[in-house]
Amino acid sequence: MIIDQEQIFKDVLSKLEGTINEQSFFNKFLELYPEVWKKEKIMFSKFNKSKKFGQTIPLAQPEVSLRKDIRIWLQKQ
């Protein structure tokens, strides 16, 4: 992600109530930062449209990428 991920994740964590897991964190992120999520999806879409046939550069789908980032970040906490 291009944004200041550390600060956003800290903000999301501070607003979570109840059990903290990957799914609840993901849902709260989407609730608090819909504009960031939209930018990530647009960036992925533009990337996919710009690929030429036969030339593939792997880029994880936005949801997969965000969930991985969340999982790694939560493990560090």
N, C-alpha and C. Protein backbone atom coordinates (compact mmCIF):
# COMPACT_ATOMS: atom_id res chain seq x y z
N MET A 1 0.84 -1.18 0.00
CA MET A 1 0.00 0.00 0.00
C MET A 1 0.88 1.25 0.00
N ILE A 2 0.45 2.28 -0.64
CA ILE A 2 1.24 3.48 -0.82
C ILE A 2 1.08 4.43 0.38
N ILE A 3 -0.03 4.38 1.06
CA ILE A 3 -0.32 5.29 2.14
C ILE A 3 0.52 4.98 3.38
N ASP A 4 0.43 5.82 4.42
CA ASP A 4 1.14 5.58 5.67
C ASP A 4 0.41 4.48 6.43
N GLN A 5 0.73 3.28 6.08
CA GLN A 5 0.03 2.10 6.57
C GLN A 5 0.14 1.95 8.08
N GLU A 6 1.29 2.19 8.62
CA GLU A 6 1.51 2.02 10.06
C GLU A 6 0.55 2.90 10.87
N GLN A 7 0.44 4.16 10.50
CA GLN A 7 -0.42 5.09 11.22
C GLN A 7 -1.90 4.70 11.07
N ILE A 8 -2.29 4.31 9.89
CA ILE A 8 -3.68 3.92 9.66
C ILE A 8 -4.01 2.67 10.45
N PHE A 9 -3.13 1.69 10.45
CA PHE A 9 -3.38 0.46 11.21
C PHE A 9 -3.47 0.75 12.70
N LYS A 10 -2.63 1.64 13.22
CA LYS A 10 -2.72 2.02 14.64
C LYS A 10 -4.06 2.67 14.94
N ASP A 11 -4.52 3.52 14.04
CA ASP A 11 -5.81 4.18 14.21
C ASP A 11 -6.96 3.16 14.21
N VAL A 12 -6.91 2.23 13.28
CA VAL A 12 -7.94 1.19 13.21
C VAL A 12 -7.93 0.36 14.48
N LEU A 13 -6.74 -0.02 14.93
CA LEU A 13 -6.62 -0.83 16.15
C LEU A 13 -7.20 -0.12 17.36
N SER A 14 -6.98 1.19 17.44
CA SER A 14 -7.49 1.95 18.58
C SER A 14 -9.01 2.04 18.59
N LYS A 15 -9.63 1.88 17.45
CA LYS A 15 -11.08 1.99 17.36
C LYS A 15 -11.80 0.64 17.39
N LEU A 16 -11.04 -0.44 17.43
CA LEU A 16 -11.65 -1.77 17.48
C LEU A 16 -12.17 -2.07 18.88
N GLU A 17 -13.31 -2.72 18.93
CA GLU A 17 -13.88 -3.16 20.20
C GLU A 17 -14.07 -4.65 20.15
N GLY A 18 -13.99 -5.31 21.28
CA GLY A 18 -14.19 -6.75 21.32
C GLY A 18 -12.95 -7.49 20.86
N THR A 19 -13.17 -8.67 20.30
CA THR A 19 -12.04 -9.48 19.87
C THR A 19 -11.38 -8.88 18.64
N ILE A 20 -10.07 -8.95 18.64
CA ILE A 20 -9.30 -8.41 17.51
C ILE A 20 -8.78 -9.58 16.70
N ASN A 21 -9.28 -9.68 15.48
CA ASN A 21 -8.78 -10.69 14.56
C ASN A 21 -8.70 -10.07 13.17
N GLU A 22 -8.22 -10.84 12.23
CA GLU A 22 -8.01 -10.33 10.88
C GLU A 22 -9.30 -9.81 10.25
N GLN A 23 -10.39 -10.55 10.42
CA GLN A 23 -11.66 -10.16 9.81
C GLN A 23 -12.23 -8.88 10.42
N SER A 24 -12.23 -8.78 11.74
CA SER A 24 -12.76 -7.58 12.39
C SER A 24 -11.90 -6.36 12.04
N PHE A 25 -10.59 -6.56 11.96
CA PHE A 25 -9.68 -5.47 11.59
C PHE A 25 -9.96 -5.02 10.16
N PHE A 26 -10.12 -5.99 9.26
CA PHE A 26 -10.41 -5.69 7.85
C PHE A 26 -11.71 -4.90 7.72
N ASN A 27 -12.75 -5.35 8.42
CA ASN A 27 -14.05 -4.67 8.35
C ASN A 27 -13.97 -3.25 8.88
N LYS A 28 -13.25 -3.05 9.99
CA LYS A 28 -13.12 -1.71 10.57
C LYS A 28 -12.30 -0.82 9.64
N PHE A 29 -11.28 -1.38 8.99
CA PHE A 29 -10.48 -0.61 8.03
C PHE A 29 -11.38 -0.10 6.91
N LEU A 30 -12.22 -0.97 6.36
CA LEU A 30 -13.12 -0.56 5.28
C LEU A 30 -14.11 0.50 5.74
N GLU A 31 -14.53 0.40 6.98
CA GLU A 31 -15.47 1.37 7.53
C GLU A 31 -14.82 2.74 7.73
N LEU A 32 -13.59 2.74 8.24
CA LEU A 32 -12.91 4.00 8.56
C LEU A 32 -12.20 4.65 7.38
N TYR A 33 -11.74 3.84 6.44
CA TYR A 33 -10.94 4.35 5.33
C TYR A 33 -11.46 3.88 3.98
N PRO A 34 -12.70 4.20 3.63
CA PRO A 34 -13.22 3.76 2.33
C PRO A 34 -12.49 4.41 1.16
N GLU A 35 -12.00 5.63 1.34
CA GLU A 35 -11.30 6.32 0.25
C GLU A 35 -9.96 5.64 -0.06
N VAL A 36 -9.27 5.17 0.96
CA VAL A 36 -8.00 4.46 0.76
C VAL A 36 -8.26 3.14 0.05
N TRP A 37 -9.31 2.44 0.48
CA TRP A 37 -9.67 1.17 -0.13
C TRP A 37 -10.03 1.37 -1.60
N LYS A 38 -10.77 2.44 -1.88
CA LYS A 38 -11.17 2.73 -3.26
C LYS A 38 -9.94 3.00 -4.14
N LYS A 39 -8.97 3.74 -3.60
CA LYS A 39 -7.75 4.03 -4.35
C LYS A 39 -6.97 2.75 -4.67
N GLU A 40 -6.92 1.85 -3.70
CA GLU A 40 -6.22 0.58 -3.91
C GLU A 40 -6.89 -0.24 -5.01
N LYS A 41 -8.21 -0.26 -5.00
CA LYS A 41 -8.95 -1.03 -6.01
C LYS A 41 -8.77 -0.40 -7.39
N ILE A 42 -8.77 0.92 -7.47
CA ILE A 42 -8.58 1.62 -8.74
C ILE A 42 -7.17 1.36 -9.28
N MET A 43 -6.19 1.41 -8.39
CA MET A 43 -4.81 1.16 -8.81
C MET A 43 -4.67 -0.25 -9.37
N PHE A 44 -5.28 -1.23 -8.71
CA PHE A 44 -5.24 -2.61 -9.19
C PHE A 44 -5.92 -2.74 -10.54
N SER A 45 -7.07 -2.09 -10.69
CA SER A 45 -7.82 -2.16 -11.94
C SER A 45 -7.01 -1.54 -13.09
N LYS A 46 -6.39 -0.40 -12.85
CA LYS A 46 -5.58 0.24 -13.88
C LYS A 46 -4.40 -0.64 -14.26
N PHE A 47 -3.80 -1.26 -13.27
CA PHE A 47 -2.67 -2.14 -13.54
C PHE A 47 -3.09 -3.31 -14.42
N ASN A 48 -4.23 -3.92 -14.10
CA ASN A 48 -4.71 -5.05 -14.88
C ASN A 48 -5.03 -4.66 -16.32
N LYS A 49 -5.57 -3.47 -16.51
CA LYS A 49 -5.91 -3.01 -17.86
C LYS A 49 -4.66 -2.68 -18.67
N SER A 50 -3.58 -2.33 -17.98
CA SER A 50 -2.38 -1.92 -18.70
C SER A 50 -1.51 -3.10 -19.13
N LYS A 51 -1.79 -4.30 -18.63
CA LYS A 51 -0.97 -5.46 -19.00
C LYS A 51 -1.21 -5.83 -20.46
N LYS A 52 -0.15 -6.21 -21.11
CA LYS A 52 -0.25 -6.68 -22.49
C LYS A 52 -0.34 -8.20 -22.47
N PHE A 53 -1.02 -8.74 -23.45
CA PHE A 53 -1.21 -10.19 -23.51
C PHE A 53 0.14 -10.89 -23.52
N GLY A 54 0.26 -11.88 -22.67
CA GLY A 54 1.50 -12.66 -22.61
C GLY A 54 2.54 -12.10 -21.67
N GLN A 55 2.39 -10.87 -21.26
CA GLN A 55 3.33 -10.26 -20.33
C GLN A 55 2.62 -10.06 -18.99
N THR A 56 2.89 -10.92 -18.07
CA THR A 56 2.21 -10.80 -16.78
C THR A 56 3.21 -10.50 -15.68
N ILE A 57 2.85 -9.57 -14.86
CA ILE A 57 3.58 -9.25 -13.65
C ILE A 57 2.59 -9.48 -12.52
N PRO A 58 2.88 -10.42 -11.65
CA PRO A 58 1.90 -10.75 -10.61
C PRO A 58 1.69 -9.59 -9.64
N LEU A 59 0.44 -9.26 -9.41
CA LEU A 59 0.05 -8.27 -8.43
C LEU A 59 -1.16 -8.84 -7.71
N ALA A 60 -1.04 -8.97 -6.42
CA ALA A 60 -2.13 -9.55 -5.63
C ALA A 60 -3.35 -8.66 -5.68
N GLN A 61 -4.51 -9.29 -5.64
CA GLN A 61 -5.75 -8.53 -5.60
C GLN A 61 -5.76 -7.69 -4.33
N PRO A 62 -6.43 -6.54 -4.34
CA PRO A 62 -6.39 -5.63 -3.20
C PRO A 62 -6.80 -6.28 -1.88
N GLU A 63 -7.85 -7.10 -1.90
CA GLU A 63 -8.30 -7.72 -0.66
C GLU A 63 -7.24 -8.68 -0.11
N VAL A 64 -6.66 -9.46 -0.98
CA VAL A 64 -5.63 -10.43 -0.57
C VAL A 64 -4.43 -9.68 -0.01
N SER A 65 -4.02 -8.63 -0.69
CA SER A 65 -2.87 -7.84 -0.26
C SER A 65 -3.12 -7.18 1.10
N LEU A 66 -4.29 -6.58 1.27
CA LEU A 66 -4.60 -5.91 2.53
C LEU A 66 -4.69 -6.91 3.67
N ARG A 67 -5.33 -8.04 3.43
CA ARG A 67 -5.44 -9.06 4.49
C ARG A 67 -4.05 -9.57 4.90
N LYS A 68 -3.16 -9.73 3.94
CA LYS A 68 -1.80 -10.17 4.25
C LYS A 68 -1.09 -9.11 5.09
N ASP A 69 -1.22 -7.84 4.70
CA ASP A 69 -0.60 -6.75 5.45
C ASP A 69 -1.14 -6.70 6.88
N ILE A 70 -2.45 -6.87 7.03
CA ILE A 70 -3.08 -6.86 8.35
C ILE A 70 -2.55 -8.02 9.19
N ARG A 71 -2.52 -9.20 8.60
CA ARG A 71 -2.05 -10.40 9.32
C ARG A 71 -0.62 -10.19 9.84
N ILE A 72 0.25 -9.71 8.98
CA ILE A 72 1.65 -9.48 9.36
C ILE A 72 1.75 -8.41 10.44
N TRP A 73 1.00 -7.33 10.29
CA TRP A 73 1.04 -6.24 11.24
C TRP A 73 0.52 -6.69 12.61
N LEU A 74 -0.56 -7.44 12.63
CA LEU A 74 -1.11 -7.91 13.90
C LEU A 74 -0.15 -8.87 14.60
N GLN A 75 0.58 -9.68 13.85
CA GLN A 75 1.55 -10.59 14.46
C GLN A 75 2.69 -9.83 15.13
N LYS A 76 3.02 -8.67 14.60
CA LYS A 76 4.10 -7.86 15.17
C LYS A 76 3.67 -7.17 16.47
N GLN A 77 2.37 -7.00 16.65
CA GLN A 77 1.86 -6.27 17.82
C GLN A 77 1.89 -7.10 19.07
